[in-house]
């Protein structure tokens, strides 16, 4: 089983995109594995 840590994906800030244009399409999703 997993638990979603964030409801929405984390996207790069405008500052990050200016520094690294390839980061524009990045989406970070976080899940936590639960012990059963």
Protein backbone atom coordinates (compact mmCIF):
# COMPACT_ATOMS: atom_id res chain seq x y z
CA UNK A 1 0.00 0.00 0.00
CA UNK A 2 1.09 3.56 -0.63
CA UNK A 3 0.10 6.93 0.78
CA UNK A 4 0.26 10.01 -1.43
CA UNK A 5 2.29 12.70 0.35
CA UNK A 6 1.25 15.54 -2.00
CA UNK A 7 -2.15 15.82 -3.68
CA UNK A 8 -0.74 17.75 -6.65
CA UNK A 9 2.61 17.23 -8.41
CA UNK A 10 5.37 19.66 -7.44
CA UNK A 11 6.47 21.78 -10.41
CA UNK A 12 9.57 23.94 -10.80
CA UNK A 13 9.48 27.64 -9.88
CA UNK A 14 9.85 30.35 -12.53
CA UNK A 15 13.36 31.00 -11.22
CA UNK A 16 14.30 27.33 -11.70
CA UNK A 17 12.92 27.36 -15.27
CA UNK A 18 14.98 30.49 -16.08
CA UNK A 19 18.14 28.80 -14.79
CA UNK A 20 17.32 25.39 -16.30
CA UNK A 21 14.78 25.52 -19.19
CA UNK A 22 14.61 21.71 -19.38
CA UNK A 23 12.96 21.71 -15.94
CA UNK A 24 9.78 23.25 -17.43
CA UNK A 25 8.06 19.88 -17.99
CA UNK A 26 9.23 18.29 -14.71
CA UNK A 27 6.58 17.12 -12.23
CA UNK A 28 7.58 15.54 -8.93
CA UNK A 29 5.11 13.13 -7.34
CA UNK A 30 5.72 11.76 -3.84
CA UNK A 31 4.36 8.52 -2.38
CA UNK A 32 5.18 6.78 0.88
CA UNK A 33 5.26 2.99 1.15
CA UNK A 34 3.23 1.76 4.14
CA UNK A 35 4.07 -1.35 6.15
CA UNK A 36 1.23 -3.83 6.37
